[in-house]
C-alpha cells in the first residue's frame, strides 16, 4: 500500500491542467520507493490518500499504481488503434473488390 505524496502536472491541448499522482511505498524488504503514475486526470488525488501499488519484488522501481487507466489504458488504446487500422483496410478492400465486380 502506498500514499500519495504529490502530483506531476501537464497542460492538455485545451489549456486544462492535468495531474498524475506521485506515490511512495515501502517494499517488503523495507526499501522506500517513489513512483509516478502514467495516467493524467483532471483533478489531483488528495495528499496522503492510500493507493494500492503493484510491483515485482525483484524490480520495485517499475511499480504500477493499481487503477483501470494505469493497467489497461495503453493496451486498450493499442487495441482501438488496431481495430481502426483493420477496419480501414477492410473498407478499402471491400471498395476495391466491389469496383472489380
N, C-alpha and C. Protein backbone atom coordinates (compact mmCIF):
# COMPACT_ATOMS: atom_id res chain seq x y z
N UNK A 1 0.85 -1.17 0.00
CA UNK A 1 0.00 0.00 0.00
C UNK A 1 0.90 1.23 0.00
N UNK A 2 0.57 2.19 -0.83
CA UNK A 2 1.33 3.42 -0.89
C UNK A 2 0.46 4.60 -0.53
N UNK A 3 1.09 5.78 -0.49
CA UNK A 3 0.38 7.02 -0.16
C UNK A 3 0.76 8.10 -1.15
N UNK A 4 -0.22 8.90 -1.55
CA UNK A 4 0.03 9.99 -2.49
C UNK A 4 0.88 11.05 -1.78
N UNK A 5 2.00 11.39 -2.41
CA UNK A 5 2.90 12.40 -1.84
C UNK A 5 2.93 13.68 -2.66
N UNK A 6 2.29 13.66 -3.82
CA UNK A 6 2.28 14.84 -4.69
C UNK A 6 1.69 14.51 -6.03
N UNK A 7 1.85 15.45 -6.97
CA UNK A 7 1.35 15.27 -8.33
C UNK A 7 2.33 15.89 -9.30
N UNK A 8 2.33 15.34 -10.51
CA UNK A 8 3.06 15.92 -11.63
C UNK A 8 1.99 16.49 -12.54
N UNK A 9 2.21 17.69 -13.07
CA UNK A 9 1.19 18.31 -13.91
C UNK A 9 1.65 18.44 -15.35
N UNK A 10 0.68 18.50 -16.23
CA UNK A 10 0.90 18.78 -17.64
C UNK A 10 -0.29 19.59 -18.11
N UNK A 11 -0.16 20.24 -19.24
CA UNK A 11 -1.25 21.03 -19.79
C UNK A 11 -1.79 20.33 -21.03
N UNK A 12 -3.09 20.07 -21.03
CA UNK A 12 -3.75 19.43 -22.16
C UNK A 12 -3.91 20.43 -23.30
N UNK A 13 -4.30 19.93 -24.47
CA UNK A 13 -4.46 20.78 -25.65
C UNK A 13 -5.36 21.98 -25.41
N UNK A 14 -6.44 21.79 -24.68
CA UNK A 14 -7.37 22.89 -24.42
C UNK A 14 -6.91 23.85 -23.34
N UNK A 15 -5.70 23.64 -22.81
CA UNK A 15 -5.17 24.51 -21.77
C UNK A 15 -5.49 24.05 -20.36
N UNK A 16 -6.18 22.93 -20.24
CA UNK A 16 -6.54 22.42 -18.91
C UNK A 16 -5.35 21.71 -18.26
N UNK A 17 -5.17 21.95 -16.97
CA UNK A 17 -4.11 21.29 -16.21
C UNK A 17 -4.55 19.87 -15.87
N UNK A 18 -3.65 18.91 -16.12
CA UNK A 18 -3.92 17.50 -15.83
C UNK A 18 -2.88 17.03 -14.80
N UNK A 19 -3.28 16.07 -13.97
CA UNK A 19 -2.46 15.63 -12.84
C UNK A 19 -2.20 14.12 -12.88
N UNK A 20 -0.97 13.74 -12.62
CA UNK A 20 -0.60 12.34 -12.43
C UNK A 20 -0.07 12.21 -11.00
N UNK A 21 -0.53 11.21 -10.26
CA UNK A 21 -0.10 11.10 -8.86
C UNK A 21 1.34 10.64 -8.71
N UNK A 22 1.95 11.07 -7.64
CA UNK A 22 3.25 10.57 -7.21
C UNK A 22 2.97 9.82 -5.91
N UNK A 23 3.39 8.56 -5.86
CA UNK A 23 3.06 7.68 -4.74
C UNK A 23 4.33 7.09 -4.15
N UNK A 24 4.42 7.10 -2.84
CA UNK A 24 5.55 6.48 -2.13
C UNK A 24 5.04 5.24 -1.40
N UNK A 25 5.87 4.20 -1.41
CA UNK A 25 5.52 2.98 -0.69
C UNK A 25 6.80 2.32 -0.19
N UNK A 26 6.64 1.39 0.72
CA UNK A 26 7.78 0.65 1.27
C UNK A 26 7.62 -0.81 0.87
N UNK A 27 8.69 -1.37 0.30
CA UNK A 27 8.66 -2.77 -0.13
C UNK A 27 8.69 -3.70 1.08
N UNK A 28 8.47 -4.98 0.83
CA UNK A 28 8.55 -5.97 1.90
C UNK A 28 9.94 -6.00 2.54
N UNK A 29 10.95 -5.60 1.74
CA UNK A 29 12.33 -5.57 2.24
C UNK A 29 12.66 -4.27 2.96
N UNK A 30 11.69 -3.36 3.06
CA UNK A 30 11.91 -2.11 3.78
C UNK A 30 12.47 -0.98 2.93
N UNK A 31 12.55 -1.18 1.61
CA UNK A 31 13.08 -0.14 0.72
C UNK A 31 11.97 0.86 0.38
N UNK A 32 12.25 2.17 0.55
CA UNK A 32 11.26 3.19 0.22
C UNK A 32 11.38 3.53 -1.26
N UNK A 33 10.26 3.44 -1.97
CA UNK A 33 10.21 3.67 -3.41
C UNK A 33 9.17 4.75 -3.69
N UNK A 34 9.48 5.61 -4.65
CA UNK A 34 8.51 6.62 -5.11
C UNK A 34 8.31 6.41 -6.61
N UNK A 35 7.04 6.35 -7.02
CA UNK A 35 6.72 6.18 -8.44
C UNK A 35 5.71 7.24 -8.87
N UNK A 36 5.75 7.55 -10.14
CA UNK A 36 4.80 8.49 -10.73
C UNK A 36 3.80 7.70 -11.56
N UNK A 37 2.53 8.07 -11.46
CA UNK A 37 1.51 7.45 -12.28
C UNK A 37 1.71 7.83 -13.74
N UNK A 38 1.21 6.99 -14.63
CA UNK A 38 1.33 7.25 -16.06
C UNK A 38 0.06 7.82 -16.66
N UNK A 39 -1.00 7.85 -15.87
CA UNK A 39 -2.29 8.34 -16.34
C UNK A 39 -2.58 9.70 -15.70
N UNK A 40 -2.86 10.68 -16.55
CA UNK A 40 -3.18 12.02 -16.06
C UNK A 40 -4.70 12.17 -15.94
N UNK A 41 -5.14 12.87 -14.90
CA UNK A 41 -6.55 13.10 -14.63
C UNK A 41 -6.81 14.59 -14.47
N UNK A 42 -8.08 14.97 -14.52
CA UNK A 42 -8.46 16.38 -14.39
C UNK A 42 -8.31 16.93 -12.99
N UNK A 43 -8.27 16.05 -12.00
CA UNK A 43 -8.10 16.52 -10.63
C UNK A 43 -7.00 15.71 -9.95
N UNK A 44 -6.31 16.35 -9.03
CA UNK A 44 -5.23 15.69 -8.30
C UNK A 44 -5.83 14.84 -7.18
N UNK A 45 -5.18 13.73 -6.89
CA UNK A 45 -5.59 12.91 -5.75
C UNK A 45 -5.16 13.61 -4.47
N UNK A 46 -5.92 13.48 -3.41
CA UNK A 46 -5.56 14.13 -2.14
C UNK A 46 -4.24 13.61 -1.58
N UNK A 47 -3.43 14.50 -1.05
CA UNK A 47 -2.18 14.10 -0.40
C UNK A 47 -2.50 13.16 0.75
N UNK A 48 -1.71 12.09 0.86
CA UNK A 48 -1.89 11.13 1.93
C UNK A 48 -2.87 10.02 1.61
N UNK A 49 -3.60 10.14 0.50
CA UNK A 49 -4.57 9.10 0.13
C UNK A 49 -3.85 7.77 -0.06
N UNK A 50 -4.43 6.70 0.49
CA UNK A 50 -3.86 5.36 0.35
C UNK A 50 -4.16 4.82 -1.05
N UNK A 51 -3.14 4.28 -1.68
CA UNK A 51 -3.24 3.75 -3.04
C UNK A 51 -2.58 2.37 -3.07
N UNK A 52 -3.23 1.41 -3.73
CA UNK A 52 -2.61 0.10 -3.90
C UNK A 52 -1.56 0.18 -4.99
N UNK A 53 -0.38 -0.35 -4.69
CA UNK A 53 0.74 -0.34 -5.63
C UNK A 53 1.09 -1.80 -5.95
N UNK A 54 1.27 -2.08 -7.25
CA UNK A 54 1.63 -3.41 -7.70
C UNK A 54 3.07 -3.40 -8.17
N UNK A 55 3.86 -4.37 -7.71
CA UNK A 55 5.26 -4.41 -8.13
C UNK A 55 5.81 -5.83 -8.02
N UNK A 56 6.84 -6.07 -8.81
CA UNK A 56 7.60 -7.31 -8.72
C UNK A 56 8.66 -7.10 -7.66
N UNK A 57 8.77 -8.00 -6.69
CA UNK A 57 9.77 -7.82 -5.63
C UNK A 57 11.20 -7.64 -6.16
N UNK A 58 11.51 -8.26 -7.30
CA UNK A 58 12.85 -8.14 -7.87
C UNK A 58 13.08 -6.79 -8.54
N UNK A 59 12.00 -6.04 -8.84
CA UNK A 59 12.14 -4.78 -9.55
C UNK A 59 11.08 -3.77 -9.08
N UNK A 60 11.14 -3.36 -7.82
CA UNK A 60 10.09 -2.47 -7.29
C UNK A 60 10.09 -1.07 -7.92
N UNK A 61 11.19 -0.66 -8.56
CA UNK A 61 11.23 0.66 -9.19
C UNK A 61 10.26 0.75 -10.38
N UNK A 62 9.83 -0.40 -10.90
CA UNK A 62 8.89 -0.44 -12.02
C UNK A 62 7.46 -0.64 -11.54
N UNK A 63 7.17 -0.25 -10.33
CA UNK A 63 5.84 -0.42 -9.74
C UNK A 63 4.79 0.33 -10.54
N UNK A 64 3.56 -0.17 -10.47
CA UNK A 64 2.41 0.46 -11.12
C UNK A 64 1.34 0.73 -10.07
N UNK A 65 0.67 1.84 -10.23
CA UNK A 65 -0.45 2.16 -9.36
C UNK A 65 -1.64 1.34 -9.84
N UNK A 66 -2.35 0.72 -8.92
CA UNK A 66 -3.50 -0.10 -9.31
C UNK A 66 -4.69 0.80 -9.61
N UNK A 67 -4.95 0.97 -10.89
CA UNK A 67 -6.13 1.69 -11.36
C UNK A 67 -6.42 1.21 -12.77
N UNK A 68 -7.66 1.37 -13.21
CA UNK A 68 -8.03 0.91 -14.54
C UNK A 68 -7.17 1.58 -15.61
N UNK A 69 -7.02 2.89 -15.53
CA UNK A 69 -6.24 3.63 -16.52
C UNK A 69 -4.78 3.22 -16.56
N UNK A 70 -4.19 3.03 -15.38
CA UNK A 70 -2.77 2.64 -15.30
C UNK A 70 -2.53 1.26 -15.90
N UNK A 71 -3.45 0.34 -15.61
CA UNK A 71 -3.24 -1.05 -16.02
C UNK A 71 -3.75 -1.35 -17.43
N UNK A 72 -4.80 -0.68 -17.86
CA UNK A 72 -5.43 -1.03 -19.13
C UNK A 72 -5.42 0.08 -20.17
N UNK A 73 -5.02 1.29 -19.82
CA UNK A 73 -5.06 2.41 -20.75
C UNK A 73 -4.28 2.17 -22.04
N UNK A 74 -3.02 1.80 -21.93
CA UNK A 74 -2.19 1.57 -23.12
C UNK A 74 -2.66 0.36 -23.92
N UNK A 75 -2.93 -0.79 -23.28
CA UNK A 75 -3.42 -1.92 -24.09
C UNK A 75 -4.74 -1.61 -24.81
N UNK A 76 -5.65 -0.91 -24.15
CA UNK A 76 -6.91 -0.57 -24.81
C UNK A 76 -6.71 0.41 -25.96
N UNK A 77 -5.81 1.37 -25.79
CA UNK A 77 -5.53 2.32 -26.86
C UNK A 77 -4.90 1.60 -28.06
N UNK A 78 -4.00 0.66 -27.79
CA UNK A 78 -3.38 -0.11 -28.87
C UNK A 78 -4.43 -0.97 -29.58
N UNK A 79 -5.33 -1.58 -28.81
CA UNK A 79 -6.39 -2.41 -29.39
C UNK A 79 -7.31 -1.56 -30.27
N UNK A 80 -7.70 -0.39 -29.77
CA UNK A 80 -8.57 0.50 -30.54
C UNK A 80 -7.88 0.95 -31.82
N UNK A 81 -6.59 1.26 -31.72
CA UNK A 81 -5.84 1.64 -32.92
C UNK A 81 -5.77 0.51 -33.92
N UNK A 82 -5.58 -0.71 -33.42
CA UNK A 82 -5.55 -1.88 -34.30
C UNK A 82 -6.90 -2.09 -34.99
N UNK A 83 -7.99 -1.92 -34.23
CA UNK A 83 -9.32 -2.05 -34.82
C UNK A 83 -9.55 -1.02 -35.93
N UNK A 84 -9.11 0.21 -35.69
CA UNK A 84 -9.27 1.25 -36.70
C UNK A 84 -8.46 0.91 -37.95
N UNK A 85 -7.26 0.41 -37.75
CA UNK A 85 -6.41 0.05 -38.88
C UNK A 85 -7.03 -1.09 -39.67
N UNK A 86 -7.45 -2.15 -38.98
CA UNK A 86 -8.07 -3.29 -39.66
C UNK A 86 -9.37 -2.86 -40.33
N UNK A 87 -10.16 -2.03 -39.65
CA UNK A 87 -11.40 -1.54 -40.24
C UNK A 87 -11.15 -0.73 -41.50
N UNK A 88 -10.14 0.12 -41.46
CA UNK A 88 -9.81 0.94 -42.61
C UNK A 88 -9.35 0.10 -43.79
N UNK A 89 -8.54 -0.91 -43.51
CA UNK A 89 -8.07 -1.82 -44.57
C UNK A 89 -9.27 -2.60 -45.13
N UNK A 90 -10.17 -3.03 -44.23
CA UNK A 90 -11.35 -3.77 -44.68
C UNK A 90 -12.23 -2.94 -45.59
N UNK A 91 -12.45 -1.69 -45.26
CA UNK A 91 -13.27 -0.80 -46.08
C UNK A 91 -12.62 -0.61 -47.44
N UNK A 92 -11.32 -0.35 -47.47
CA UNK A 92 -10.61 -0.16 -48.74
C UNK A 92 -10.68 -1.42 -49.59
N UNK A 93 -10.47 -2.57 -48.96
CA UNK A 93 -10.51 -3.84 -49.69
C UNK A 93 -11.92 -4.09 -50.23
N UNK A 94 -12.92 -3.83 -49.43
CA UNK A 94 -14.31 -4.02 -49.86
C UNK A 94 -14.63 -3.12 -51.05
N UNK A 95 -14.21 -1.89 -50.98
CA UNK A 95 -14.46 -0.96 -52.08
C UNK A 95 -13.71 -1.40 -53.33
N UNK A 96 -12.49 -1.86 -53.16
CA UNK A 96 -11.69 -2.32 -54.31
C UNK A 96 -12.34 -3.54 -54.96
N UNK A 97 -12.84 -4.47 -54.16
CA UNK A 97 -13.47 -5.69 -54.69
C UNK A 97 -14.79 -5.37 -55.38
N UNK A 98 -15.55 -4.43 -54.83
CA UNK A 98 -16.80 -4.04 -55.46
C UNK A 98 -16.55 -3.35 -56.81
N UNK A 99 -15.46 -2.63 -56.88
CA UNK A 99 -15.11 -1.94 -58.12
C UNK A 99 -14.71 -2.92 -59.23
N UNK A 100 -14.23 -4.10 -58.86
CA UNK A 100 -13.80 -5.09 -59.86
C UNK A 100 -14.97 -5.94 -60.34
N UNK A 101 -16.05 -5.99 -59.57
CA UNK A 101 -17.18 -6.87 -59.94
C UNK A 101 -17.99 -6.33 -61.08
